[in-house]
Protein backbone atom coordinates (compact mmCIF):
# COMPACT_ATOMS: atom_id res chain seq x y z
CA MET A 1 62.24 -5.79 51.47
CA ASP A 2 58.29 -4.47 52.45
CA ALA A 3 61.00 -2.12 55.13
CA LEU A 4 63.07 -0.91 52.20
CA ARG A 5 60.52 -0.60 49.87
CA THR A 6 58.24 1.44 52.65
CA GLY A 7 61.49 3.40 53.33
CA LEU A 8 61.63 4.48 49.51
CA ASN A 9 57.81 5.26 49.45
CA ASP A 10 58.78 7.83 52.13
CA TRP A 11 61.53 9.10 50.49
CA LEU A 12 59.88 9.81 47.00
CA THR A 13 57.00 11.18 49.29
CA ALA A 14 59.15 13.50 50.72
CA ILE A 15 60.27 14.80 47.41
CA ASN A 16 57.18 15.16 45.97
CA ALA A 17 55.49 16.91 48.63
CA VAL A 18 58.23 19.90 47.33
CA ILE A 19 58.28 19.42 43.62
CA TRP A 20 54.68 19.32 43.16
CA HIS A 21 54.07 21.94 46.00
CA ASP A 22 50.53 24.16 45.26
CA SER A 23 52.61 27.01 43.92
CA VAL A 24 54.10 25.15 41.27
CA LEU A 25 50.85 23.78 39.79
CA TYR A 26 49.94 27.68 39.87
CA ILE A 27 52.64 28.60 38.49
CA VAL A 28 52.28 26.52 35.68
CA LEU A 29 48.65 27.85 34.98
CA ALA A 30 50.17 30.96 35.11
CA VAL A 31 52.93 30.29 32.03
CA GLY A 32 50.15 28.64 30.38
CA LEU A 33 47.84 32.28 31.25
CA LEU A 34 50.71 33.91 29.52
CA PHE A 35 51.37 32.58 26.28
CA THR A 36 48.02 32.29 25.96
CA ILE A 37 47.98 36.31 25.91
CA TRP A 38 51.26 36.55 24.38
CA SER A 39 50.33 34.41 21.73
CA GLY A 40 47.08 37.05 20.99
CA PHE A 41 44.95 33.06 21.94
CA CYS A 42 46.75 30.81 20.22
CA GLN A 43 43.44 28.23 20.87
CA TYR A 44 41.84 29.85 18.06
CA HIS A 45 44.21 29.11 15.93
CA ALA A 46 44.89 25.53 16.76
CA LEU A 47 41.23 24.38 16.43
CA THR A 48 40.97 26.34 13.21
CA HIS A 49 44.46 26.41 11.62
CA GLY A 50 45.65 23.32 13.22
CA VAL A 51 42.60 21.24 11.86
CA ARG A 52 43.09 21.95 8.39
CA VAL A 53 46.98 21.58 8.50
CA ILE A 54 46.26 18.01 9.69
CA THR A 55 44.05 16.95 6.88
CA GLY A 56 47.32 17.21 4.70
CA ALA A 57 46.25 20.90 3.10
CA TYR A 58 49.96 22.22 3.68
CA ASP A 59 52.17 18.66 3.46
CA ASP A 60 54.81 19.07 1.28
CA ALA A 61 56.80 15.39 0.44
CA ARG A 62 60.34 17.02 0.11
CA ASP A 63 60.26 18.56 3.41
CA PRO A 64 62.51 17.26 6.43
CA GLY A 65 61.15 14.91 8.72
CA ALA A 66 59.71 11.35 8.69
CA ILE A 67 55.87 11.04 9.59
CA ASN A 68 52.93 13.68 8.02
CA HIS A 69 51.63 16.01 10.54
CA PHE A 70 48.44 14.00 11.54
CA GLN A 71 51.02 11.10 12.07
CA ALA A 72 53.18 13.30 14.53
CA LEU A 73 49.72 14.47 15.94
CA SER A 74 48.45 10.61 16.72
CA ALA A 75 51.62 9.63 18.05
CA ALA A 76 51.95 12.75 20.66
CA LEU A 77 48.32 11.69 21.54
CA SER A 78 48.83 8.15 21.69
CA ALA A 79 51.10 8.97 25.03
CA THR A 80 49.19 11.22 26.12
CA VAL A 81 45.81 9.89 25.66
CA GLY A 82 45.48 6.57 27.91
CA LEU A 83 44.58 5.00 31.42
CA GLY A 84 45.15 8.56 32.90
CA ASN A 85 41.62 9.45 31.10
CA ILE A 86 39.81 6.21 31.65
CA GLY A 87 41.67 5.68 34.96
CA GLY A 88 43.27 9.64 36.07
CA VAL A 89 40.38 11.07 35.56
CA ALA A 90 38.34 8.79 38.25
CA VAL A 91 41.19 9.15 40.94
CA ALA A 92 40.65 12.78 41.00
CA ILE A 93 37.14 12.65 41.30
CA ALA A 94 37.35 9.92 44.11
CA LEU A 95 39.80 12.19 46.33
CA GLY A 96 38.88 15.76 45.02
CA GLY A 97 35.44 15.97 43.93
CA PRO A 98 33.36 16.58 41.23
CA GLY A 99 34.86 20.56 41.29
CA ALA A 100 38.47 18.60 40.21
CA VAL A 101 37.08 18.39 36.84
CA PHE A 102 36.78 21.87 36.19
CA TRP A 103 40.15 22.66 36.82
CA MET A 104 41.26 20.05 35.09
CA TRP A 105 39.60 22.34 31.82
CA VAL A 106 41.57 25.04 33.21
CA VAL A 107 44.77 23.20 33.00
CA GLY A 108 43.70 21.73 29.32
CA LEU A 109 42.65 25.10 27.95
CA ALA A 110 45.83 26.79 29.06
CA GLY A 111 47.92 23.51 28.02
CA MET A 112 46.95 24.51 24.58
CA ALA A 113 49.01 27.55 25.02
CA LEU A 114 51.98 25.32 26.48
CA LYS A 115 52.00 22.52 24.01
CA THR A 116 51.50 25.20 20.76
CA THR A 117 54.83 27.08 22.77
CA GLU A 118 57.14 24.12 24.06
CA VAL A 119 56.77 22.41 20.68
CA THR A 120 56.78 25.45 18.30
CA LEU A 121 60.29 25.93 20.04
CA SER A 122 61.44 22.84 19.73
CA MET A 123 60.99 22.59 15.97
CA LEU A 124 62.90 25.61 15.69
CA PHE A 125 66.04 23.91 17.27
CA ARG A 126 65.16 20.25 15.99
CA ARG A 127 68.44 18.70 13.82
CA THR A 128 67.60 17.28 9.92
CA ASP A 129 70.95 16.15 9.48
CA ASN A 130 69.34 13.05 8.72
CA PRO A 131 65.91 13.83 7.08
CA ASP A 132 64.70 10.59 7.90
CA GLU A 133 65.25 10.43 11.31
CA PRO A 134 65.35 14.30 13.00
CA SER A 135 65.93 14.66 16.36
CA GLY A 136 64.38 17.05 18.33
CA GLY A 137 62.87 17.94 22.36
CA PRO A 138 63.56 20.59 24.84
CA MET A 139 67.29 18.69 25.23
CA TRP A 140 68.63 20.12 22.27
CA VAL A 141 66.91 23.33 22.47
CA ILE A 142 68.85 24.00 26.15
CA ASP A 143 71.68 22.28 24.81
CA ASP A 144 71.84 24.50 21.38
CA GLY A 145 70.35 27.43 22.27
CA LEU A 146 72.94 28.08 25.53
CA ARG A 147 75.98 27.28 23.01
CA GLN A 148 74.38 30.17 20.78
CA ARG A 149 74.02 32.74 22.77
CA SER A 150 77.79 32.14 24.33
CA PRO A 151 79.90 29.64 24.13
CA LYS A 152 80.67 29.77 27.37
CA LEU A 153 77.52 28.59 28.52
CA ALA A 154 77.97 25.54 26.64
CA TRP A 155 78.83 22.93 29.48
CA LEU A 156 76.00 24.54 31.32
CA GLY A 157 73.27 23.34 28.12
CA ARG A 158 74.78 20.33 28.03
CA THR A 159 73.86 19.83 31.82
CA LEU A 160 70.49 20.73 31.92
CA GLY A 161 70.10 18.46 28.39
CA VAL A 162 71.19 15.71 30.54
CA LEU A 163 69.30 16.38 33.51
CA PHE A 164 66.46 17.03 31.35
CA CYS A 165 66.91 13.27 29.53
CA ILE A 166 67.65 12.03 32.94
CA THR A 167 63.81 12.60 34.00
CA LEU A 168 62.39 12.45 30.59
CA LEU A 169 63.70 8.21 31.22
CA ILE A 170 62.29 7.96 34.71
CA SER A 171 58.85 9.41 33.51
CA THR A 172 59.29 6.92 30.65
CA ILE A 173 59.93 4.07 32.53
CA THR A 174 57.70 4.68 35.02
CA GLY A 175 54.62 6.71 34.35
CA GLY A 176 54.44 5.72 30.28
CA ASN A 177 55.67 2.22 30.30
CA MET A 178 55.07 0.52 33.71
CA PHE A 179 52.52 1.93 35.10
CA GLN A 180 50.53 1.32 31.84
CA ALA A 181 51.26 -2.12 32.13
CA TRP A 182 50.22 -2.22 36.01
CA ASN A 183 47.32 -1.38 35.38
CA VAL A 184 46.44 -3.44 32.47
CA GLY A 185 47.63 -6.04 34.27
CA VAL A 186 45.14 -5.23 37.09
CA VAL A 187 42.45 -4.74 34.88
CA THR A 188 42.56 -8.48 33.17
CA GLU A 189 42.60 -10.12 36.21
CA GLU A 190 39.91 -8.55 37.87
CA SER A 191 37.64 -8.57 34.95
CA PHE A 192 38.86 -12.05 33.45
CA GLY A 193 41.24 -13.72 35.85
CA VAL A 194 44.24 -13.60 33.40
CA PRO A 195 47.62 -13.74 35.71
CA GLN A 196 49.35 -10.57 35.35
CA PRO A 197 52.89 -11.76 34.73
CA ILE A 198 50.87 -13.44 31.39
CA VAL A 199 50.15 -10.09 30.80
CA GLY A 200 52.63 -8.42 30.92
CA VAL A 201 54.77 -10.81 28.64
CA ILE A 202 52.25 -10.29 26.39
CA LEU A 203 52.26 -6.44 26.37
CA ALA A 204 55.83 -6.84 26.29
CA VAL A 205 55.59 -8.39 22.53
CA LEU A 206 53.36 -6.34 20.85
CA VAL A 207 55.21 -3.03 22.47
CA GLY A 208 58.37 -4.88 21.03
CA LEU A 209 57.29 -5.23 17.72
CA VAL A 210 56.26 -1.75 16.66
CA ILE A 211 59.18 0.21 18.63
CA LEU A 212 61.42 -1.85 17.45
CA GLY A 213 60.73 -0.46 13.95
CA GLY A 214 61.38 2.81 14.82
CA ILE A 215 59.34 6.46 14.05
CA LYS A 216 58.01 5.37 10.78
CA ARG A 217 56.26 2.50 12.45
CA ILE A 218 54.88 4.03 16.01
CA GLY A 219 53.70 7.00 13.50
CA ALA A 220 51.63 4.79 11.16
CA PHE A 221 50.52 2.45 14.22
CA ALA A 222 49.51 5.69 15.87
CA GLY A 223 47.89 7.06 13.22
CA ALA A 224 45.57 3.64 12.47
CA ILE A 225 44.73 2.75 16.55
CA VAL A 226 44.37 6.34 17.87
CA PRO A 227 41.10 7.48 15.55
CA ALA A 228 39.84 3.84 16.45
CA MET A 229 40.48 3.67 19.90
CA CYS A 230 38.94 7.35 20.76
CA GLY A 231 35.93 6.75 18.49
CA MET A 232 35.23 3.39 20.41
CA TYR A 233 35.47 4.96 23.63
CA LEU A 234 33.17 8.64 22.71
CA ILE A 235 30.79 5.90 21.17
CA ALA A 236 30.64 3.74 24.73
CA ALA A 237 30.49 7.01 26.43
CA LEU A 238 27.90 8.76 24.24
CA TYR A 239 25.69 5.31 24.97
CA VAL A 240 25.65 5.76 28.92
CA LEU A 241 25.19 9.67 28.68
CA GLY A 242 22.15 8.73 26.62
CA HIS A 243 20.82 7.19 29.14
CA THR A 244 21.77 9.23 31.96
CA ILE A 245 20.94 12.65 29.87
CA GLY A 246 18.59 13.72 32.66
CA GLU A 247 21.52 13.80 35.18
CA VAL A 248 24.06 15.61 33.16
CA PRO A 249 22.68 19.38 33.22
CA GLY A 250 22.44 18.76 36.92
CA ILE A 251 26.25 17.21 36.75
CA LEU A 252 27.73 20.80 35.08
CA ARG A 253 26.23 22.99 36.97
CA LEU A 254 27.79 20.23 40.00
CA ILE A 255 31.59 20.42 38.08
CA VAL A 256 31.02 24.27 38.08
CA VAL A 257 29.83 25.31 41.89
CA SER A 258 31.55 22.06 43.12
CA ALA A 259 35.20 24.09 42.06
CA PHE A 260 34.12 26.53 44.34
CA ASN A 261 32.41 25.18 47.03
CA PRO A 262 33.56 21.62 47.77
CA ALA A 263 30.96 19.12 47.18
CA GLU A 264 29.57 17.57 50.30
CA ALA A 265 30.35 13.98 51.80
CA SER A 266 27.64 11.58 50.00
CA GLY A 267 28.18 7.62 49.94
CA ALA A 268 31.22 6.35 48.56
CA PHE A 269 32.71 10.09 48.68
CA VAL A 270 34.28 10.81 51.70
CA GLY A 271 34.62 14.69 51.05
CA GLY A 272 37.18 17.06 49.13
CA THR A 273 38.39 20.59 50.35
CA PHE A 274 38.88 23.31 47.75
CA GLY A 275 42.15 22.74 47.56
CA MET A 276 41.98 18.66 47.13
CA ALA A 277 39.77 19.73 44.19
CA VAL A 278 42.20 22.05 42.87
CA LEU A 279 45.55 20.08 43.09
CA TRP A 280 43.97 17.01 41.93
CA GLY A 281 42.00 18.31 39.16
CA MET A 282 45.67 19.90 37.61
CA LYS A 283 47.51 17.12 38.70
CA ARG A 284 45.37 14.59 36.77
CA ALA A 285 45.01 16.80 33.76
CA LEU A 286 48.98 17.31 33.90
CA PHE A 287 49.79 14.08 34.13
CA SER A 288 47.48 13.23 31.51
CA CYS A 289 47.77 15.92 28.41
CA GLU A 290 52.08 16.36 29.57
CA ALA A 291 51.34 20.11 29.15
CA GLY A 292 54.81 21.74 29.85
CA GLN A 293 56.52 18.51 30.66
CA GLY A 294 58.58 18.59 27.46
CA SER A 295 58.01 15.46 26.16
CA SER A 296 55.43 15.78 23.34
CA PRO A 297 57.83 17.70 21.12
CA ILE A 298 60.15 14.73 20.75
CA ALA A 299 57.26 13.15 18.60
CA HIS A 300 56.33 16.53 16.54
CA CYS A 301 60.09 17.17 15.89
CA ALA A 302 59.76 14.11 13.46
CA ALA A 303 56.99 15.85 11.45
CA LYS A 304 57.67 16.46 8.07
CA THR A 305 57.63 19.98 7.86
CA THR A 306 59.98 23.31 7.08
CA GLU A 307 57.95 25.82 9.47
CA PRO A 308 58.43 25.36 13.00
CA VAL A 309 55.37 27.23 13.99
CA ARG A 310 53.06 24.94 12.10
CA GLU A 311 53.77 21.97 13.52
CA GLY A 312 53.28 23.79 17.13
CA VAL A 313 49.58 24.93 16.31
CA VAL A 314 49.00 20.98 15.49
CA ALA A 315 50.35 20.49 18.99
CA GLY A 316 47.92 22.42 20.90
CA LEU A 317 45.39 20.25 19.65
CA GLU A 318 46.17 17.66 21.84
CA PRO A 319 45.03 19.17 25.24
CA PHE A 320 41.59 20.12 23.80
CA ILE A 321 41.46 16.43 22.85
CA ASP A 322 42.86 14.49 25.47
CA THR A 323 41.68 16.87 28.47
CA ILE A 324 38.73 19.07 27.16
CA VAL A 325 36.89 16.05 25.26
CA VAL A 326 38.29 12.39 26.36
CA CYS A 327 38.87 13.35 29.72
CA THR A 328 35.09 15.54 30.20
CA LEU A 329 33.65 12.11 28.51
CA THR A 330 35.18 9.84 31.57
CA SER A 331 34.54 12.07 33.88
CA LEU A 332 30.09 12.88 33.09
CA VAL A 333 29.79 9.18 33.08
CA VAL A 334 31.42 8.96 36.46
CA LEU A 335 29.42 11.63 38.00
CA SER A 336 26.09 10.91 36.32
CA SER A 337 25.92 7.27 36.65
CA GLY A 338 26.58 7.85 40.44
CA ALA A 339 29.71 5.69 41.17
CA TRP A 340 31.72 8.44 42.94
CA ASN A 341 29.00 8.29 45.93
CA ARG A 342 27.68 5.08 45.15
CA ASP A 343 26.10 3.23 48.34
CA GLY A 344 27.68 0.01 50.23
CA GLU A 345 26.95 -3.15 48.09
CA ALA A 346 26.35 -4.81 51.36
CA ALA A 347 25.67 -4.03 55.41
CA LEU A 348 26.92 -5.61 58.00
CA VAL A 349 24.90 -7.95 59.95
CA THR A 350 26.94 -7.51 63.20
CA PRO A 351 29.14 -3.86 63.33
CA PRO A 352 32.58 -4.76 64.91
CA GLY A 353 33.91 -2.19 67.57
CA PHE A 354 37.33 -0.87 67.35
CA VAL A 355 40.43 -2.07 69.57
CA ALA A 356 43.28 -0.43 70.55
CA VAL A 357 46.66 -2.40 69.44
CA GLU A 358 48.92 0.32 70.56
CA PRO A 359 48.85 4.28 71.61
CA GLY A 360 46.69 5.57 68.24
CA VAL A 361 46.62 2.23 66.68
CA TRP A 362 42.96 0.95 66.52
CA ASP A 363 41.93 -2.49 64.68
CA LEU A 364 38.93 -4.09 63.51
CA PRO A 365 38.61 -8.00 64.21
CA ASP A 366 37.85 -9.88 60.69
CA THR A 367 34.22 -9.38 60.23
CA PRO A 368 32.12 -12.08 58.38
CA LEU A 369 30.84 -10.84 55.22
CA PRO A 370 27.28 -10.93 53.96
CA PRO A 371 26.50 -11.75 50.06
CA LYS A 372 25.67 -8.43 47.85
CA ARG A 373 22.69 -7.08 47.22
CA PRO A 374 20.37 -7.99 44.23
CA GLU A 375 21.05 -4.81 42.55
CA SER A 376 24.73 -4.56 43.34
CA LEU A 377 25.22 -8.57 42.11
CA ALA A 378 23.17 -7.64 39.50
CA ILE A 379 25.53 -4.96 37.97
CA SER A 380 28.59 -6.57 38.94
CA GLY A 381 27.33 -10.39 37.91
CA SER A 382 28.74 -11.94 40.94
CA ASP A 383 29.09 -12.15 44.54
CA TRP A 384 32.66 -11.35 46.54
CA ARG A 385 35.46 -12.96 45.20
CA LEU A 386 38.82 -13.79 47.74
CA GLY A 387 41.12 -10.67 47.24
CA ASP A 388 38.74 -8.17 46.75
CA ASN A 389 39.72 -5.09 48.40
CA VAL A 390 36.90 -3.66 50.26
CA PHE A 391 36.41 -0.60 52.55
CA LEU A 392 33.99 1.14 55.41
CA LEU A 393 33.45 4.47 56.77
CA ALA A 394 34.55 5.51 60.16
CA ARG A 395 34.60 8.62 61.78
CA TYR A 396 37.67 9.45 63.63
CA GLY A 397 36.68 12.71 65.77
CA ALA A 398 39.21 15.20 64.24
CA VAL A 399 38.75 16.49 60.77
CA ASP A 400 40.84 15.30 57.78
CA VAL A 401 42.76 18.37 56.21
CA GLY A 402 42.24 16.10 52.67
CA SER A 403 38.86 15.77 53.27
CA GLY A 404 37.55 18.53 55.36
CA THR A 405 35.62 16.09 57.29
CA ASP A 406 36.02 13.79 60.36
CA LEU A 407 35.37 10.65 57.67
CA ARG A 408 38.01 8.48 56.67
CA ARG A 409 38.38 4.29 55.12
CA VAL A 410 39.13 1.80 56.70
CA THR A 411 40.11 -0.80 54.01
CA GLY A 412 40.13 -4.90 54.62
CA THR A 413 40.65 -7.78 52.03
CA VAL A 414 38.33 -10.49 51.68
CA VAL A 415 39.40 -13.93 52.88
CA ARG A 416 37.82 -16.98 53.86
CA VAL A 417 36.90 -18.34 57.03
CA ASP A 418 37.52 -22.34 57.58
CA THR A 419 34.34 -23.41 59.31
CA HIS A 420 35.84 -26.91 60.82
CA GLY A 421 39.29 -25.38 62.48
CA PRO A 422 42.00 -25.45 62.66
CA ASP A 423 42.53 -29.15 62.61
CA ASP A 424 40.41 -29.47 59.34
CA THR A 425 42.42 -31.19 56.50
CA ASN A 426 40.30 -31.03 53.35
CA GLY A 427 41.20 -27.60 52.42
CA PRO A 428 37.92 -24.91 51.44
CA ASP A 429 34.83 -26.44 50.91
CA GLU A 430 30.95 -25.18 50.22
CA GLY A 431 30.73 -24.67 54.13
CA ASP A 432 33.28 -22.13 54.48
CA ARG A 433 31.91 -18.38 54.38
CA LEU A 434 33.71 -14.97 53.55
CA ALA A 435 34.81 -12.65 56.04
CA VAL A 436 36.87 -9.36 56.03
CA THR A 437 40.39 -8.44 57.29
CA TRP A 438 41.41 -5.25 57.64
CA ALA A 439 44.31 -2.75 57.74
CA PRO A 440 45.20 -1.14 61.29
CA VAL A 441 44.24 2.42 61.56
CA GLY A 442 45.91 5.42 62.91
CA ALA A 443 46.12 9.08 63.30
CA PRO A 444 48.55 10.83 61.03
CA GLY A 445 50.82 13.14 63.67
CA GLY A 446 49.49 11.80 66.62
CA PRO A 447 47.59 9.41 69.03
CA LEU A 448 43.97 9.38 68.64
CA ALA A 449 41.70 10.62 71.76
CA VAL A 450 39.17 8.36 71.58
CA ALA A 451 38.54 5.14 69.07
CA PRO A 452 37.28 5.66 66.17
CA THR A 453 33.45 4.44 65.53
CA LEU A 454 31.62 3.68 62.51
CA HIS A 455 29.47 5.60 60.48
CA THR A 456 27.72 3.23 58.36
CA THR A 457 27.86 -0.35 58.57
CA GLU A 458 27.81 -0.64 54.78
CA VAL A 459 30.54 -2.31 52.87
CA TYR A 460 31.98 -0.94 49.60
CA LYS A 461 34.02 -2.36 47.18
CA ASP A 462 36.87 -0.58 46.81
CA TYR A 463 37.21 0.77 42.70
CA VAL A 464 41.09 1.99 42.02
CA GLY A 465 41.37 4.29 39.30
CA ALA A 466 39.81 2.19 35.80
CA ALA A 467 38.03 0.15 37.83
CA LEU A 468 35.74 3.00 39.31
CA THR A 469 35.21 3.93 35.37
CA SER A 470 34.37 0.71 34.52
CA HIS A 471 31.98 0.04 37.56
CA ALA A 472 30.53 3.62 35.96
CA PHE A 473 29.67 2.24 32.52
CA ASP A 474 28.04 -1.41 35.01
CA ARG A 475 25.83 0.65 36.67
CA VAL A 476 24.40 1.94 33.60
CA SER A 477 24.98 -1.36 31.43
CA PRO A 478 25.99 -4.48 33.36
CA GLY A 479 28.97 -6.14 31.84
CA LEU A 480 29.64 -3.04 29.53
CA GLY A 481 32.32 -1.41 31.53
CA LYS A 482 33.94 -5.08 32.26
CA TRP A 483 34.46 -5.04 27.97
CA MET A 484 35.12 -1.69 27.21
CA VAL A 485 37.17 -0.50 29.60
CA ALA A 486 39.63 -3.82 29.17
CA ILE A 487 39.43 -3.21 25.78
CA ALA A 488 40.14 0.59 25.49
CA SER A 489 42.93 -0.21 28.92
CA TRP A 490 44.56 -2.71 26.74
CA LEU A 491 44.52 -0.11 23.27
CA PHE A 492 45.17 3.24 25.23
CA ALA A 493 48.34 1.85 27.77
CA VAL A 494 49.97 0.01 24.19
CA SER A 495 49.79 3.36 22.10
CA THR A 496 50.75 4.98 25.46
CA MET A 497 53.57 3.06 26.12
CA ILE A 498 54.75 2.79 22.07
CA SER A 499 55.12 6.65 21.66
CA TRP A 500 56.77 6.87 25.29
CA ALA A 501 59.34 4.40 23.99
CA TYR A 502 60.13 6.95 21.58
CA TYR A 503 60.86 9.53 23.67
CA GLY A 504 63.17 7.50 26.04
CA GLU A 505 64.99 6.51 22.59
CA GLN A 506 65.33 10.29 21.79
CA GLY A 507 66.67 10.97 25.61
CA MET A 508 69.09 8.32 25.18
CA VAL A 509 70.33 8.93 21.62
CA TYR A 510 70.98 12.98 23.05
CA MET A 511 73.36 11.03 25.73
CA ALA A 512 74.74 8.17 24.25
CA GLY A 513 74.25 8.01 20.53
CA ARG A 514 72.40 5.71 18.70
CA ARG A 515 74.39 2.74 19.91
CA SER A 516 72.00 3.34 22.79
CA VAL A 517 69.16 2.59 21.21
CA LEU A 518 68.84 -1.07 21.12
CA PRO A 519 69.67 -2.04 24.46
CA TYR A 520 67.39 0.78 25.93
CA LYS A 521 64.29 -0.60 23.74
CA ILE A 522 65.17 -4.44 25.05
CA PHE A 523 65.13 -3.03 28.82
CA TYR A 524 62.05 -1.07 28.31
CA CYS A 525 59.99 -4.66 27.10
CA VAL A 526 61.40 -6.00 29.98
CA SER A 527 60.43 -3.32 32.27
CA ILE A 528 56.90 -4.13 31.24
CA VAL A 529 57.35 -7.84 32.17
CA VAL A 530 58.59 -6.83 35.44
CA ALA A 531 55.47 -4.16 36.37
CA CYS A 532 53.18 -7.02 36.08
CA ALA A 533 55.56 -9.58 37.88
CA GLY A 534 53.87 -8.25 41.25
CA VAL A 535 57.04 -6.46 42.14
CA ILE A 536 54.64 -2.87 42.51
CA THR A 537 51.95 -3.84 44.93
CA THR A 538 50.46 -0.63 45.46
CA GLU A 539 49.23 2.70 42.57
CA GLU A 540 50.19 4.85 45.30
CA GLU A 541 53.89 3.35 45.18
CA LEU A 542 54.17 3.85 41.26
CA ASP A 543 52.68 7.01 41.29
CA ASN A 544 55.15 8.19 43.99
CA ILE A 545 58.26 7.51 41.14
CA THR A 546 56.02 8.91 38.06
CA ALA A 547 55.63 12.28 39.91
CA VAL A 548 58.73 12.33 40.77
CA GLY A 549 60.00 12.34 37.23
CA THR A 550 57.05 14.12 36.27
CA GLY A 551 57.56 16.75 38.72
CA ILE A 552 61.26 17.87 37.51
CA MET A 553 60.35 17.42 33.81
CA LEU A 554 58.07 20.33 34.92
CA TRP A 555 60.62 21.99 36.44
CA VAL A 556 63.73 21.61 34.07
CA ASN A 557 61.55 22.46 30.81
CA ILE A 558 59.63 25.83 31.84
CA PRO A 559 62.15 28.07 32.38
CA ILE A 560 63.52 27.26 29.21
CA MET A 561 59.94 27.92 27.60
CA LEU A 562 60.32 31.14 29.63
CA LEU A 563 64.01 31.79 28.32
CA PHE A 564 63.57 31.42 25.42
CA GLY A 565 59.88 32.55 25.20
CA GLY A 566 60.51 35.87 22.88
CA VAL A 567 62.16 33.63 20.31
CA THR A 568 58.96 31.30 19.83
CA MET A 569 56.24 34.08 20.11
CA THR A 570 58.90 36.23 17.25
CA ALA A 571 58.42 33.23 15.01
CA TYR A 572 54.81 32.32 16.04
CA ARG A 573 53.96 35.78 14.84
CA GLY A 574 55.52 35.98 11.96
CA TYR A 575 54.22 32.92 10.44
CA PHE A 576 50.98 34.21 10.75
CA ALA A 577 51.65 37.47 9.23
CA ARG A 578 52.90 35.46 6.19
CA LEU A 579 49.81 33.01 6.61
CA ARG A 580 47.41 36.10 6.71
CA ALA A 581 49.65 37.55 3.31
CA GLY A 582 48.79 34.71 1.62
CA GLU A 583 52.21 33.22 1.18
CA PHE A 584 51.09 29.39 1.92
CA PRO A 585 48.86 28.39 -0.12
CA VAL A 586 46.94 25.17 0.04
CA ARG A 587 48.53 22.15 -2.32
CA PRO A 588 46.41 21.35 -5.28
CA HIS A 589 46.30 17.79 -4.24
CA GLN A 590 43.38 16.84 -2.04
CA PRO A 591 43.61 16.91 1.29
CA ARG A 592 43.98 13.36 3.17
CA PRO A 593 40.45 12.76 4.93
């Protein structure tokens, strides 16, 4: 089983190396800049006219659709504002450094144009045969669009539509569902000791109760939960920044400078090249705001309106809220608290030496683990626990292409050492001590000429993803991160899983009709339980699967946007010409709060 998992992971890694090549990210950014200029900087209209639309100033209950503009935006945001904003940002900083945040901002601004364009396009081709259950998305755009241009291209449109739906379902089950459930399971077990399988069952029940009610219940749920969860996270982040306000100007400068001149290795941060900053900043921003993937238009196509561009402008607010606001808050918390380049929790008394186990592979003997330092103990609230993941920093003698230094992590797991010897049958007791068993290390691409050497004797707790953000909050106010990130993870994850369930449902409707919806929903809930049942062992494995789905979605959706870009921009300019001419007076009723 392990060999099969390793082989699959290696295969997915090879595929991702192609579909997520650096040039793909630059192409997506270039397309965003193209539509920014083509639309006359639609970001401005999103932040002005879009805000007025979601207040209900142009709502008409007679318009076709199932939910209002605000609920449509909330449903789409509930899919984008998720654990990527908490954990994904931390991963980007840990691997790419502070400069990754700058490239998140760039993608966020370009993403506003991408969202406006793709949603407007899907609204132009949405189907409202049943006004209470409209259908729309890139699959309908390419299907109907090519058929309208030439009946001979109908087969190609259907084929591309099915291909998009297949990639949509991959992303739905992995990134929109299992990734969220797995992270919540890890955070909950880490913080409160609740076993992951129990977490999976609870999540499956909660999600099932909402998605069985259809888009109207999803819209109502999202409209209530999204403002609450964003407000809660905003207050907690501002509380932390209030305590570290003196660091913020320097951190903002560091973000901009590091975007072009990467930050040096310090503490737990092993360094990051310019390429890593760009790659991780853009990749995590695209994963977070989903710009250009074609998923958000599915939610927006349920909105009550007769004006496609109006909903497109509303959609432009998504990347701003998701990336420019929420992701930036997380970034400032992680950076200003010092969590990204923190010191170790303890120092080894007797540093071990590397031992060759085979050519090019080295190992460290099991090492006694000293207690945490008092200051580290005060932050975490507990000493080392069995199963904790830790790491040391070692010098390999060869520069790593990712970090730009010869520093790399040597990972290990905290275990118990039986001080009574192998014949003891009484089990562990207080006389036993903790130690670390280390994973073997090797040099990719060939044997090392010399053995690695320890850089320092510092032992670092390995905080992955959302756990690093939680630790950042705890460094300012011990205990805050544990509760805030745990609650936010639940809210963000559940809301994301609910909206992505609807995305996958629409993909199934396109391919197999509405008779497939109930079996799909049952499978969706079962996959939540599977994600928390120990089948997935590392974040890297799940990220590999997720990256395939989102990457291919970009490959399919971006050409669709370019192919019908002229149609979209004509509608966009026509709408604002009519708006300036006074054709859309504000409704006489009071706007929604």
